[in-house]
PDB file of all heavy atoms in Angstrom:
ATOM      1  N   LEU A   1       0.839  -1.193   0.000  1.00  0.00           N
ATOM      2  CA  LEU A   1       0.000   0.000   0.000  1.00  0.00           C
ATOM      3  C   LEU A   1       0.875   1.245   0.000  1.00  0.00           C
ATOM      4  O   LEU A   1       1.947   1.270   0.612  1.00  0.00           O
ATOM      5  CB  LEU A   1      -0.902   0.037   1.243  1.00  0.00           C
ATOM      6  CG  LEU A   1      -1.736  -1.203   1.559  1.00  0.00           C
ATOM      7  CD1 LEU A   1      -2.469  -1.005   2.882  1.00  0.00           C
ATOM      8  CD2 LEU A   1      -2.723  -1.496   0.435  1.00  0.00           C
ATOM      9  N   LEU A   2       0.396   2.287  -0.675  1.00  0.00           N
ATOM     10  CA  LEU A   2       0.978   3.617  -0.567  1.00  0.00           C
ATOM     11  C   LEU A   2       0.064   4.417   0.349  1.00  0.00           C
ATOM     12  O   LEU A   2      -1.132   4.561   0.065  1.00  0.00           O
ATOM     13  CB  LEU A   2       1.095   4.285  -1.936  1.00  0.00           C
ATOM     14  CG  LEU A   2       1.607   5.736  -1.930  1.00  0.00           C
ATOM     15  CD1 LEU A   2       3.017   5.803  -1.353  1.00  0.00           C
ATOM     16  CD2 LEU A   2       1.576   6.321  -3.344  1.00  0.00           C
ATOM     17  N   MET A   3       0.610   4.939   1.472  1.00  0.00           N
ATOM     18  CA  MET A   3      -0.224   5.534   2.503  1.00  0.00           C
ATOM     19  C   MET A   3       0.278   6.923   2.891  1.00  0.00           C
ATOM     20  O   MET A   3       1.405   7.322   2.564  1.00  0.00           O
ATOM     21  CB  MET A   3      -0.261   4.638   3.752  1.00  0.00           C
ATOM     22  CG  MET A   3      -0.813   3.246   3.510  1.00  0.00           C
ATOM     23  SD  MET A   3      -0.878   2.244   5.018  1.00  0.00           S
ATOM     24  CE  MET A   3      -2.140   3.117   5.965  1.00  0.00           C
ATOM     25  N   TYR A   4      -0.609   7.648   3.593  1.00  0.00           N
ATOM     26  CA  TYR A   4      -0.272   8.928   4.189  1.00  0.00           C
ATOM     27  C   TYR A   4      -0.761   8.908   5.631  1.00  0.00           C
ATOM     28  O   TYR A   4      -1.817   8.349   5.935  1.00  0.00           O
ATOM     29  CB  TYR A   4      -0.958  10.082   3.444  1.00  0.00           C
ATOM     30  CG  TYR A   4      -0.824  11.419   4.148  1.00  0.00           C
ATOM     31  CD1 TYR A   4       0.296  12.215   3.943  1.00  0.00           C
ATOM     32  CD2 TYR A   4      -1.806  11.872   5.025  1.00  0.00           C
ATOM     33  CE1 TYR A   4       0.437  13.427   4.590  1.00  0.00           C
ATOM     34  CE2 TYR A   4      -1.679  13.089   5.672  1.00  0.00           C
ATOM     35  CZ  TYR A   4      -0.558  13.866   5.449  1.00  0.00           C
ATOM     36  OH  TYR A   4      -0.428  15.068   6.095  1.00  0.00           O
ATOM     37  N   GLU A   5       0.024   9.503   6.535  1.00  0.00           N
ATOM     38  CA  GLU A   5      -0.420   9.598   7.915  1.00  0.00           C
ATOM     39  C   GLU A   5       0.210  10.807   8.592  1.00  0.00           C
ATOM     40  O   GLU A   5       1.226  11.351   8.120  1.00  0.00           O
ATOM     41  CB  GLU A   5      -0.084   8.326   8.699  1.00  0.00           C
ATOM     42  CG  GLU A   5       1.380   8.123   8.992  1.00  0.00           C
ATOM     43  CD  GLU A   5       1.645   6.870   9.825  1.00  0.00           C
ATOM     44  OE1 GLU A   5       0.683   6.187  10.196  1.00  0.00           O
ATOM     45  OE2 GLU A   5       2.831   6.589  10.094  1.00  0.00           O
ATOM     46  N   GLU A   6      -0.431  11.237   9.665  1.00  0.00           N
ATOM     47  CA  GLU A   6       0.117  12.272  10.528  1.00  0.00           C
ATOM     48  C   GLU A   6       0.202  11.704  11.942  1.00  0.00           C
ATOM     49  O   GLU A   6      -0.775  11.146  12.452  1.00  0.00           O
ATOM     50  CB  GLU A   6      -0.755  13.533  10.501  1.00  0.00           C
ATOM     51  CG  GLU A   6      -0.712  14.250   9.165  1.00  0.00           C
ATOM     52  CD  GLU A   6      -1.490  15.561   9.171  1.00  0.00           C
ATOM     53  OE1 GLU A   6      -1.833  16.041  10.285  1.00  0.00           O
ATOM     54  OE2 GLU A   6      -1.768  16.097   8.097  1.00  0.00           O
ATOM     55  N   LEU A   7       1.377  11.853  12.548  1.00  0.00           N
ATOM     56  CA  LEU A   7       1.631  11.333  13.890  1.00  0.00           C
ATOM     57  C   LEU A   7       1.720  12.493  14.868  1.00  0.00           C
ATOM     58  O   LEU A   7       2.302  13.535  14.551  1.00  0.00           O
ATOM     59  CB  LEU A   7       2.929  10.523  13.913  1.00  0.00           C
ATOM     60  CG  LEU A   7       3.044   9.415  12.864  1.00  0.00           C
ATOM     61  CD1 LEU A   7       4.385   8.700  12.979  1.00  0.00           C
ATOM     62  CD2 LEU A   7       1.908   8.423  12.993  1.00  0.00           C
ATOM     63  N   GLN A   8       1.162  12.295  16.053  1.00  0.00           N
ATOM     64  CA  GLN A   8       1.075  13.393  17.000  1.00  0.00           C
ATOM     65  C   GLN A   8       1.562  13.001  18.388  1.00  0.00           C
ATOM     66  O   GLN A   8       1.529  11.836  18.781  1.00  0.00           O
ATOM     67  CB  GLN A   8      -0.375  13.877  17.117  1.00  0.00           C
ATOM     68  CG  GLN A   8      -1.327  12.840  17.713  1.00  0.00           C
ATOM     69  CD  GLN A   8      -2.724  13.370  17.907  1.00  0.00           C
ATOM     70  OE1 GLN A   8      -2.961  14.568  17.876  1.00  0.00           O
ATOM     71  NE2 GLN A   8      -3.670  12.472  18.108  1.00  0.00           N
ATOM     72  N   VAL A   9       2.019  13.999  19.111  1.00  0.00           N
ATOM     73  CA  VAL A   9       2.152  13.957  20.559  1.00  0.00           C
ATOM     74  C   VAL A   9       0.998  14.793  21.094  1.00  0.00           C
ATOM     75  O   VAL A   9       0.680  15.848  20.558  1.00  0.00           O
ATOM     76  CB  VAL A   9       3.508  14.533  21.008  1.00  0.00           C
ATOM     77  CG1 VAL A   9       3.546  14.723  22.519  1.00  0.00           C
ATOM     78  CG2 VAL A   9       4.642  13.615  20.574  1.00  0.00           C
ATOM     79  N   LEU A  10       0.352  14.323  22.142  1.00  0.00           N
ATOM     80  CA  LEU A  10      -0.884  14.958  22.591  1.00  0.00           C
ATOM     81  C   LEU A  10      -0.602  16.256  23.342  1.00  0.00           C
ATOM     82  O   LEU A  10      -0.786  16.367  24.557  1.00  0.00           O
ATOM     83  CB  LEU A  10      -1.682  13.981  23.459  1.00  0.00           C
ATOM     84  CG  LEU A  10      -2.233  12.771  22.708  1.00  0.00           C
ATOM     85  CD1 LEU A  10      -2.923  11.807  23.657  1.00  0.00           C
ATOM     86  CD2 LEU A  10      -3.194  13.211  21.605  1.00  0.00           C
ATOM     87  N   SER A  11      -0.150  17.247  22.583  1.00  0.00           N
ATOM     88  CA  SER A  11       0.077  18.585  23.101  1.00  0.00           C
ATOM     89  C   SER A  11       0.121  19.546  21.918  1.00  0.00           C
ATOM     90  O   SER A  11       0.686  19.212  20.861  1.00  0.00           O
ATOM     91  CB  SER A  11       1.391  18.671  23.880  1.00  0.00           C
ATOM     92  OG  SER A  11       1.699  20.018  24.198  1.00  0.00           O
ATOM     93  N   PRO A  12      -0.452  20.754  22.063  1.00  0.00           N
ATOM     94  CA  PRO A  12      -0.364  21.730  20.964  1.00  0.00           C
ATOM     95  C   PRO A  12       1.039  22.273  20.775  1.00  0.00           C
ATOM     96  O   PRO A  12       1.301  22.970  19.788  1.00  0.00           O
ATOM     97  CB  PRO A  12      -1.333  22.835  21.417  1.00  0.00           C
ATOM     98  CG  PRO A  12      -1.387  22.724  22.900  1.00  0.00           C
ATOM     99  CD  PRO A  12      -1.244  21.266  23.195  1.00  0.00           C
ATOM    100  N   LEU A  13       1.960  21.978  21.695  1.00  0.00           N
ATOM    101  CA  LEU A  13       3.328  22.478  21.589  1.00  0.00           C
ATOM    102  C   LEU A  13       4.179  21.659  20.627  1.00  0.00           C
ATOM    103  O   LEU A  13       5.274  22.086  20.257  1.00  0.00           O
ATOM    104  CB  LEU A  13       3.997  22.479  22.972  1.00  0.00           C
ATOM    105  CG  LEU A  13       3.307  23.304  24.066  1.00  0.00           C
ATOM    106  CD1 LEU A  13       4.099  23.224  25.360  1.00  0.00           C
ATOM    107  CD2 LEU A  13       3.118  24.751  23.629  1.00  0.00           C
ATOM    108  N   VAL A  14       3.700  20.476  20.225  1.00  0.00           N
ATOM    109  CA  VAL A  14       4.479  19.596  19.337  1.00  0.00           C
ATOM    110  C   VAL A  14       3.726  19.437  18.027  1.00  0.00           C
ATOM    111  O   VAL A  14       2.622  18.885  18.008  1.00  0.00           O
ATOM    112  CB  VAL A  14       4.707  18.216  19.982  1.00  0.00           C
ATOM    113  CG1 VAL A  14       5.552  17.336  19.067  1.00  0.00           C
ATOM    114  CG2 VAL A  14       5.362  18.365  21.344  1.00  0.00           C
ATOM    115  N   PRO A  15       4.263  19.929  16.907  1.00  0.00           N
ATOM    116  CA  PRO A  15       3.559  19.794  15.624  1.00  0.00           C
ATOM    117  C   PRO A  15       3.508  18.347  15.169  1.00  0.00           C
ATOM    118  O   PRO A  15       4.367  17.527  15.514  1.00  0.00           O
ATOM    119  CB  PRO A  15       4.400  20.651  14.675  1.00  0.00           C
ATOM    120  CG  PRO A  15       5.763  20.677  15.295  1.00  0.00           C
ATOM    121  CD  PRO A  15       5.552  20.630  16.780  1.00  0.00           C
ATOM    122  N   ALA A  16       2.496  18.034  14.386  1.00  0.00           N
ATOM    123  CA  ALA A  16       2.342  16.676  13.861  1.00  0.00           C
ATOM    124  C   ALA A  16       3.417  16.387  12.815  1.00  0.00           C
ATOM    125  O   ALA A  16       3.900  17.280  12.122  1.00  0.00           O
ATOM    126  CB  ALA A  16       0.954  16.501  13.249  1.00  0.00           C
ATOM    127  N   ARG A  17       3.775  15.120  12.700  1.00  0.00           N
ATOM    128  CA  ARG A  17       4.723  14.673  11.684  1.00  0.00           C
ATOM    129  C   ARG A  17       3.958  14.087  10.512  1.00  0.00           C
ATOM    130  O   ARG A  17       3.100  13.227  10.699  1.00  0.00           O
ATOM    131  CB  ARG A  17       5.675  13.624  12.254  1.00  0.00           C
ATOM    132  CG  ARG A  17       6.616  14.159  13.317  1.00  0.00           C
ATOM    133  CD  ARG A  17       7.588  13.091  13.802  1.00  0.00           C
ATOM    134  NE  ARG A  17       8.600  13.655  14.687  1.00  0.00           N
ATOM    135  CZ  ARG A  17       9.611  12.958  15.223  1.00  0.00           C
ATOM    136  NH1 ARG A  17       9.720  11.655  14.938  1.00  0.00           N
ATOM    137  NH2 ARG A  17      10.487  13.541  16.008  1.00  0.00           N
ATOM    138  N   GLN A  18       4.288  14.548   9.317  1.00  0.00           N
ATOM    139  CA  GLN A  18       3.599  14.107   8.106  1.00  0.00           C
ATOM    140  C   GLN A  18       4.480  13.111   7.355  1.00  0.00           C
ATOM    141  O   GLN A  18       5.677  13.333   7.195  1.00  0.00           O
ATOM    142  CB  GLN A  18       3.272  15.302   7.213  1.00  0.00           C
ATOM    143  CG  GLN A  18       2.404  16.348   7.896  1.00  0.00           C
ATOM    144  CD  GLN A  18       2.213  17.586   7.042  1.00  0.00           C
ATOM    145  OE1 GLN A  18       2.791  17.698   5.964  1.00  0.00           O
ATOM    146  NE2 GLN A  18       1.413  18.526   7.511  1.00  0.00           N
ATOM    147  N   LEU A  19       3.858  12.021   6.889  1.00  0.00           N
ATOM    148  CA  LEU A  19       4.613  10.952   6.235  1.00  0.00           C
ATOM    149  C   LEU A  19       3.858  10.400   5.041  1.00  0.00           C
ATOM    150  O   LEU A  19       2.665  10.103   5.137  1.00  0.00           O
ATOM    151  CB  LEU A  19       4.876   9.798   7.214  1.00  0.00           C
ATOM    152  CG  LEU A  19       5.963   9.975   8.276  1.00  0.00           C
ATOM    153  CD1 LEU A  19       5.851   8.868   9.310  1.00  0.00           C
ATOM    154  CD2 LEU A  19       7.339   9.940   7.638  1.00  0.00           C
ATOM    155  N   TYR A  20       4.531  10.270   3.905  1.00  0.00           N
ATOM    156  CA  TYR A  20       4.084   9.430   2.797  1.00  0.00           C
ATOM    157  C   TYR A  20       4.977   8.190   2.824  1.00  0.00           C
ATOM    158  O   TYR A  20       6.206   8.306   2.858  1.00  0.00           O
ATOM    159  CB  TYR A  20       4.231  10.150   1.454  1.00  0.00           C
ATOM    160  CG  TYR A  20       3.330  11.343   1.299  1.00  0.00           C
ATOM    161  CD1 TYR A  20       3.775  12.628   1.606  1.00  0.00           C
ATOM    162  CD2 TYR A  20       2.031  11.187   0.824  1.00  0.00           C
ATOM    163  CE1 TYR A  20       2.946  13.722   1.463  1.00  0.00           C
ATOM    164  CE2 TYR A  20       1.196  12.280   0.677  1.00  0.00           C
ATOM    165  CZ  TYR A  20       1.659  13.549   0.998  1.00  0.00           C
ATOM    166  OH  TYR A  20       0.828  14.634   0.860  1.00  0.00           O
ATOM    167  N   PHE A  21       4.381   7.014   2.800  1.00  0.00           N
ATOM    168  CA  PHE A  21       5.198   5.819   2.970  1.00  0.00           C
ATOM    169  C   PHE A  21       4.537   4.620   2.310  1.00  0.00           C
ATOM    170  O   PHE A  21       3.334   4.617   2.022  1.00  0.00           O
ATOM    171  CB  PHE A  21       5.437   5.530   4.457  1.00  0.00           C
ATOM    172  CG  PHE A  21       4.194   5.233   5.243  1.00  0.00           C
ATOM    173  CD1 PHE A  21       3.803   3.929   5.503  1.00  0.00           C
ATOM    174  CD2 PHE A  21       3.394   6.263   5.718  1.00  0.00           C
ATOM    175  CE1 PHE A  21       2.649   3.654   6.221  1.00  0.00           C
ATOM    176  CE2 PHE A  21       2.244   6.003   6.439  1.00  0.00           C
ATOM    177  CZ  PHE A  21       1.870   4.697   6.692  1.00  0.00           C
ATOM    178  N   LEU A  22       5.357   3.597   2.090  1.00  0.00           N
ATOM    179  CA  LEU A  22       4.884   2.306   1.599  1.00  0.00           C
ATOM    180  C   LEU A  22       4.733   1.370   2.787  1.00  0.00           C
ATOM    181  O   LEU A  22       5.600   1.321   3.664  1.00  0.00           O
ATOM    182  CB  LEU A  22       5.877   1.709   0.603  1.00  0.00           C
ATOM    183  CG  LEU A  22       6.104   2.485  -0.700  1.00  0.00           C
ATOM    184  CD1 LEU A  22       7.290   1.905  -1.455  1.00  0.00           C
ATOM    185  CD2 LEU A  22       4.864   2.465  -1.567  1.00  0.00           C
ATOM    186  N   ARG A  23       3.638   0.631   2.805  1.00  0.00           N
ATOM    187  CA  ARG A  23       3.421  -0.396   3.829  1.00  0.00           C
ATOM    188  C   ARG A  23       3.304  -1.749   3.130  1.00  0.00           C
ATOM    189  O   ARG A  23       2.442  -1.944   2.275  1.00  0.00           O
ATOM    190  CB  ARG A  23       2.176  -0.108   4.663  1.00  0.00           C
ATOM    191  CG  ARG A  23       1.816  -1.240   5.630  1.00  0.00           C
ATOM    192  CD  ARG A  23       0.850  -0.784   6.703  1.00  0.00           C
ATOM    193  NE  ARG A  23       1.491   0.180   7.594  1.00  0.00           N
ATOM    194  CZ  ARG A  23       0.886   0.797   8.596  1.00  0.00           C
ATOM    195  NH1 ARG A  23      -0.400   0.547   8.832  1.00  0.00           N
ATOM    196  NH2 ARG A  23       1.529   1.645   9.350  1.00  0.00           N
ATOM    197  N   PHE A  24       4.189  -2.660   3.500  1.00  0.00           N
ATOM    198  CA  PHE A  24       4.272  -3.959   2.848  1.00  0.00           C
ATOM    199  C   PHE A  24       4.102  -5.046   3.904  1.00  0.00           C
ATOM    200  O   PHE A  24       4.761  -5.030   4.942  1.00  0.00           O
ATOM    201  CB  PHE A  24       5.624  -4.099   2.142  1.00  0.00           C
ATOM    202  CG  PHE A  24       5.845  -5.410   1.438  1.00  0.00           C
ATOM    203  CD1 PHE A  24       4.817  -6.032   0.737  1.00  0.00           C
ATOM    204  CD2 PHE A  24       7.089  -6.016   1.446  1.00  0.00           C
ATOM    205  CE1 PHE A  24       5.023  -7.232   0.084  1.00  0.00           C
ATOM    206  CE2 PHE A  24       7.317  -7.212   0.792  1.00  0.00           C
ATOM    207  CZ  PHE A  24       6.274  -7.817   0.106  1.00  0.00           C
ATOM    208  N   CYS A  25       3.211  -5.984   3.646  1.00  0.00           N
ATOM    209  CA  CYS A  25       2.926  -7.083   4.576  1.00  0.00           C
ATOM    210  C   CYS A  25       3.392  -8.399   3.957  1.00  0.00           C
ATOM    211  O   CYS A  25       3.150  -8.645   2.770  1.00  0.00           O
ATOM    212  CB  CYS A  25       1.428  -7.138   4.887  1.00  0.00           C
ATOM    213  SG  CYS A  25       0.924  -8.581   5.858  1.00  0.00           S
ATOM    214  N   GLN A  26       4.039  -9.216   4.748  1.00  0.00           N
ATOM    215  CA  GLN A  26       4.526 -10.504   4.257  1.00  0.00           C
ATOM    216  C   GLN A  26       4.384 -11.567   5.337  1.00  0.00           C
ATOM    217  O   GLN A  26       4.741 -11.337   6.496  1.00  0.00           O
ATOM    218  CB  GLN A  26       6.002 -10.398   3.861  1.00  0.00           C
ATOM    219  CG  GLN A  26       6.566 -11.672   3.242  1.00  0.00           C
ATOM    220  CD  GLN A  26       5.893 -12.016   1.933  1.00  0.00           C
ATOM    221  OE1 GLN A  26       5.862 -11.190   1.029  1.00  0.00           O
ATOM    222  NE2 GLN A  26       5.358 -13.201   1.830  1.00  0.00           N
ATOM    223  N   GLN A  27       3.811 -12.705   4.971  1.00  0.00           N
ATOM    224  CA  GLN A  27       3.771 -13.841   5.891  1.00  0.00           C
ATOM    225  C   GLN A  27       5.097 -14.577   5.806  1.00  0.00           C
ATOM    226  O   GLN A  27       5.498 -15.052   4.745  1.00  0.00           O
ATOM    227  CB  GLN A  27       2.614 -14.775   5.570  1.00  0.00           C
ATOM    228  CG  GLN A  27       2.428 -15.879   6.589  1.00  0.00           C
ATOM    229  CD  GLN A  27       1.153 -16.675   6.402  1.00  0.00           C
ATOM    230  OE1 GLN A  27       0.472 -16.513   5.397  1.00  0.00           O
ATOM    231  NE2 GLN A  27       0.822 -17.523   7.361  1.00  0.00           N
ATOM    232  N   ILE A  28       5.779 -14.685   6.946  1.00  0.00           N
ATOM    233  CA  ILE A  28       7.110 -15.284   6.975  1.00  0.00           C
ATOM    234  C   ILE A  28       7.025 -16.795   7.076  1.00  0.00           C
ATOM    235  O   ILE A  28       7.748 -17.527   6.406  1.00  0.00           O
ATOM    236  CB  ILE A  28       7.930 -14.712   8.144  1.00  0.00           C
ATOM    237  CG1 ILE A  28       7.965 -13.176   8.060  1.00  0.00           C
ATOM    238  CG2 ILE A  28       9.335 -15.277   8.145  1.00  0.00           C
ATOM    239  CD1 ILE A  28       8.519 -12.640   6.774  1.00  0.00           C
ATOM    240  N   ASP A  29       6.148 -17.278   7.942  1.00  0.00           N
ATOM    241  CA  ASP A  29       5.902 -18.707   8.081  1.00  0.00           C
ATOM    242  C   ASP A  29       4.466 -18.862   8.574  1.00  0.00           C
ATOM    243  O   ASP A  29       3.760 -17.863   8.728  1.00  0.00           O
ATOM    244  CB  ASP A  29       6.926 -19.362   9.022  1.00  0.00           C
ATOM    245  CG  ASP A  29       6.952 -18.733  10.409  1.00  0.00           C
ATOM    246  OD1 ASP A  29       5.865 -18.444  10.956  1.00  0.00           O
ATOM    247  OD2 ASP A  29       8.048 -18.535  10.952  1.00  0.00           O
ATOM    248  N   PRO A  30       3.981 -20.079   8.789  1.00  0.00           N
ATOM    249  CA  PRO A  30       2.558 -20.230   9.140  1.00  0.00           C
ATOM    250  C   PRO A  30       2.111 -19.450  10.360  1.00  0.00           C
ATOM    251  O   PRO A  30       0.922 -19.188  10.529  1.00  0.00           O
ATOM    252  CB  PRO A  30       2.419 -21.749   9.359  1.00  0.00           C
ATOM    253  CG  PRO A  30       3.478 -22.348   8.498  1.00  0.00           C
ATOM    254  CD  PRO A  30       4.621 -21.396   8.554  1.00  0.00           C
ATOM    255  N   VAL A  31       3.029 -19.071  11.255  1.00  0.00           N
ATOM    256  CA  VAL A  31       2.604 -18.374  12.483  1.00  0.00           C
ATOM    257  C   VAL A  31       3.261 -17.007  12.642  1.00  0.00           C
ATOM    258  O   VAL A  31       3.154 -16.398  13.703  1.00  0.00           O
ATOM    259  CB  VAL A  31       2.908 -19.239  13.730  1.00  0.00           C
ATOM    260  CG1 VAL A  31       2.092 -20.523  13.704  1.00  0.00           C
ATOM    261  CG2 VAL A  31       4.399 -19.550  13.837  1.00  0.00           C
ATOM    262  N   SER A  32       3.918 -16.500  11.613  1.00  0.00           N
ATOM    263  CA  SER A  32       4.642 -15.236  11.728  1.00  0.00           C
ATOM    264  C   SER A  32       4.336 -14.325  10.549  1.00  0.00           C
ATOM    265  O   SER A  32       4.286 -14.782   9.401  1.00  0.00           O
ATOM    266  CB  SER A  32       6.157 -15.467  11.819  1.00  0.00           C
ATOM    267  OG  SER A  32       6.478 -16.279  12.923  1.00  0.00           O
ATOM    268  N   TRP A  33       4.163 -13.034  10.860  1.00  0.00           N
ATOM    269  CA  TRP A  33       3.935 -12.002   9.850  1.00  0.00           C
ATOM    270  C   TRP A  33       4.891 -10.848  10.100  1.00  0.00           C
ATOM    271  O   TRP A  33       5.231 -10.563  11.249  1.00  0.00           O
ATOM    272  CB  TRP A  33       2.500 -11.471   9.916  1.00  0.00           C
ATOM    273  CG  TRP A  33       1.438 -12.489   9.668  1.00  0.00           C
ATOM    274  CD1 TRP A  33       0.994 -13.456  10.521  1.00  0.00           C
ATOM    275  CD2 TRP A  33       0.672 -12.643   8.472  1.00  0.00           C
ATOM    276  NE1 TRP A  33      -0.004 -14.204   9.938  1.00  0.00           N
ATOM    277  CE2 TRP A  33      -0.219 -13.722   8.675  1.00  0.00           C
ATOM    278  CE3 TRP A  33       0.633 -11.970   7.255  1.00  0.00           C
ATOM    279  CZ2 TRP A  33      -1.123 -14.136   7.710  1.00  0.00           C
ATOM    280  CZ3 TRP A  33      -0.257 -12.377   6.289  1.00  0.00           C
ATOM    281  CH2 TRP A  33      -1.120 -13.451   6.515  1.00  0.00           C
ATOM    282  N   ALA A  34       5.282 -10.180   9.031  1.00  0.00           N
ATOM    283  CA  ALA A  34       6.089  -8.961   9.147  1.00  0.00           C
ATOM    284  C   ALA A  34       5.410  -7.853   8.354  1.00  0.00           C
ATOM    285  O   ALA A  34       4.901  -8.083   7.255  1.00  0.00           O
ATOM    286  CB  ALA A  34       7.511  -9.194   8.642  1.00  0.00           C
ATOM    287  N   ILE A  35       5.381  -6.658   8.925  1.00  0.00           N
ATOM    288  CA  ILE A  35       4.826  -5.488   8.259  1.00  0.00           C
ATOM    289  C   ILE A  35       5.871  -4.385   8.325  1.00  0.00           C
ATOM    290  O   ILE A  35       6.339  -4.035   9.413  1.00  0.00           O
ATOM    291  CB  ILE A  35       3.517  -5.018   8.931  1.00  0.00           C
ATOM    292  CG1 ILE A  35       2.451  -6.109   8.818  1.00  0.00           C
ATOM    293  CG2 ILE A  35       3.020  -3.722   8.303  1.00  0.00           C
ATOM    294  CD1 ILE A  35       1.151  -5.770   9.521  1.00  0.00           C
ATOM    295  N   VAL A  36       6.249  -3.866   7.171  1.00  0.00           N
ATOM    296  CA  VAL A  36       7.299  -2.850   7.106  1.00  0.00           C
ATOM    297  C   VAL A  36       6.735  -1.563   6.518  1.00  0.00           C
ATOM    298  O   VAL A  36       5.914  -1.590   5.598  1.00  0.00           O
ATOM    299  CB  VAL A  36       8.501  -3.351   6.273  1.00  0.00           C
ATOM    300  CG1 VAL A  36       8.122  -3.580   4.810  1.00  0.00           C
ATOM    301  CG2 VAL A  36       9.672  -2.380   6.369  1.00  0.00           C
ATOM    302  N   ASP A  37       7.164  -0.427   7.084  1.00  0.00           N
ATOM    303  CA  ASP A  37       6.873   0.904   6.551  1.00  0.00           C
ATOM    304  C   ASP A  37       8.189   1.533   6.123  1.00  0.00           C
ATOM    305  O   ASP A  37       9.190   1.456   6.851  1.00  0.00           O
ATOM    306  CB  ASP A  37       6.215   1.804   7.605  1.00  0.00           C
ATOM    307  CG  ASP A  37       4.819   1.335   7.996  1.00  0.00           C
ATOM    308  OD1 ASP A  37       4.258   0.502   7.267  1.00  0.00           O
ATOM    309  OD2 ASP A  37       4.303   1.803   9.030  1.00  0.00           O
ATOM    310  N   VAL A  38       8.184   2.183   4.965  1.00  0.00           N
ATOM    311  CA  VAL A  38       9.379   2.886   4.498  1.00  0.00           C
ATOM    312  C   VAL A  38       8.921   4.105   3.705  1.00  0.00           C
ATOM    313  O   VAL A  38       7.961   4.041   2.937  1.00  0.00           O
ATOM    314  CB  VAL A  38      10.271   1.958   3.635  1.00  0.00           C
ATOM    315  CG1 VAL A  38       9.540   1.446   2.396  1.00  0.00           C
ATOM    316  CG2 VAL A  38      11.574   2.650   3.253  1.00  0.00           C
ATOM    317  N   SER A  39       9.584   5.232   3.913  1.00  0.00           N
ATOM    318  CA  SER A  39       9.174   6.479   3.266  1.00  0.00           C
ATOM    319  C   SER A  39       9.257   6.369   1.750  1.00  0.00           C
ATOM    320  O   SER A  39      10.161   5.732   1.193  1.00  0.00           O
ATOM    321  CB  SER A  39      10.059   7.634   3.748  1.00  0.00           C
ATOM    322  OG  SER A  39       9.653   8.088   5.012  1.00  0.00           O
ATOM    323  N   TYR A  40       8.280   7.012   1.115  1.00  0.00           N
ATOM    324  CA  TYR A  40       8.274   7.106  -0.346  1.00  0.00           C
ATOM    325  C   TYR A  40       7.744   8.497  -0.688  1.00  0.00           C
ATOM    326  O   TYR A  40       6.557   8.771  -0.543  1.00  0.00           O
ATOM    327  CB  TYR A  40       7.387   6.025  -0.971  1.00  0.00           C
ATOM    328  CG  TYR A  40       7.485   5.963  -2.484  1.00  0.00           C
ATOM    329  CD1 TYR A  40       8.529   5.279  -3.098  1.00  0.00           C
ATOM    330  CD2 TYR A  40       6.544   6.601  -3.284  1.00  0.00           C
ATOM    331  CE1 TYR A  40       8.629   5.216  -4.478  1.00  0.00           C
ATOM    332  CE2 TYR A  40       6.637   6.542  -4.669  1.00  0.00           C
ATOM    333  CZ  TYR A  40       7.681   5.855  -5.261  1.00  0.00           C
ATOM    334  OH  TYR A  40       7.776   5.801  -6.623  1.00  0.00           O
ATOM    335  N   ASP A  41       8.647   9.378  -1.087  1.00  0.00           N
ATOM    336  CA  ASP A  41       8.269  10.769  -1.320  1.00  0.00           C
ATOM    337  C   ASP A  41       7.568  10.911  -2.663  1.00  0.00           C
ATOM    338  O   ASP A  41       8.086  10.491  -3.703  1.00  0.00           O
ATOM    339  CB  ASP A  41       9.505  11.672  -1.291  1.00  0.00           C
ATOM    340  CG  ASP A  41      10.157  11.691   0.084  1.00  0.00           C
ATOM    341  OD1 ASP A  41       9.430  11.410   1.049  1.00  0.00           O
ATOM    342  OD2 ASP A  41      11.359  11.982   0.177  1.00  0.00           O
ATOM    343  N   ILE A  42       6.376  11.525  -2.629  1.00  0.00           N
ATOM    344  CA  ILE A  42       5.634  11.791  -3.862  1.00  0.00           C
ATOM    345  C   ILE A  42       5.353  13.273  -4.004  1.00  0.00           C
ATOM    346  O   ILE A  42       4.581  13.687  -4.851  1.00  0.00           O
ATOM    347  CB  ILE A  42       4.302  11.009  -3.886  1.00  0.00           C
ATOM    348  CG1 ILE A  42       3.423  11.411  -2.698  1.00  0.00           C
ATOM    349  CG2 ILE A  42       4.544   9.516  -3.897  1.00  0.00           C
ATOM    350  CD1 ILE A  42       2.055  10.774  -2.728  1.00  0.00           C
ATOM    351  N   THR A  43       5.979  14.088  -3.151  1.00  0.00           N
ATOM    352  CA  THR A  43       5.775  15.536  -3.214  1.00  0.00           C
ATOM    353  C   THR A  43       7.100  16.228  -3.476  1.00  0.00           C
ATOM    354  O   THR A  43       8.175  15.654  -3.307  1.00  0.00           O
ATOM    355  CB  THR A  43       5.194  16.058  -1.897  1.00  0.00           C
ATOM    356  OG1 THR A  43       6.127  15.801  -0.849  1.00  0.00           O
ATOM    357  CG2 THR A  43       3.869  15.388  -1.574  1.00  0.00           C
TER     358      THR A  43
END
Protein backbone atom coordinates (compact mmCIF):
# COMPACT_ATOMS: atom_id res chain seq x y z
CA LEU A 1 0.00 0.00 0.00
CA LEU A 2 0.98 3.62 -0.57
CA MET A 3 -0.22 5.53 2.50
CA TYR A 4 -0.27 8.93 4.19
CA GLU A 5 -0.42 9.60 7.92
CA GLU A 6 0.12 12.27 10.53
CA LEU A 7 1.63 11.33 13.89
CA GLN A 8 1.07 13.39 17.00
CA VAL A 9 2.15 13.96 20.56
CA LEU A 10 -0.88 14.96 22.59
CA SER A 11 0.08 18.58 23.10
CA PRO A 12 -0.36 21.73 20.96
CA LEU A 13 3.33 22.48 21.59
CA VAL A 14 4.48 19.60 19.34
CA PRO A 15 3.56 19.79 15.62
CA ALA A 16 2.34 16.68 13.86
CA ARG A 17 4.72 14.67 11.68
CA GLN A 18 3.60 14.11 8.11
CA LEU A 19 4.61 10.95 6.24
CA TYR A 20 4.08 9.43 2.80
CA PHE A 21 5.20 5.82 2.97
CA LEU A 22 4.88 2.31 1.60
CA ARG A 23 3.42 -0.40 3.83
CA PHE A 24 4.27 -3.96 2.85
CA CYS A 25 2.93 -7.08 4.58
CA GLN A 26 4.53 -10.50 4.26
CA GLN A 27 3.77 -13.84 5.89
CA ILE A 28 7.11 -15.28 6.97
CA ASP A 29 5.90 -18.71 8.08
CA PRO A 30 2.56 -20.23 9.14
CA VAL A 31 2.60 -18.37 12.48
CA SER A 32 4.64 -15.24 11.73
CA TRP A 33 3.93 -12.00 9.85
CA ALA A 34 6.09 -8.96 9.15
CA ILE A 35 4.83 -5.49 8.26
CA VAL A 36 7.30 -2.85 7.11
CA ASP A 37 6.87 0.90 6.55
CA VAL A 38 9.38 2.89 4.50
CA SER A 39 9.17 6.48 3.27
CA TYR A 40 8.27 7.11 -0.35
CA ASP A 41 8.27 10.77 -1.32
CA ILE A 42 5.63 11.79 -3.86
CA THR A 43 5.78 15.54 -3.21
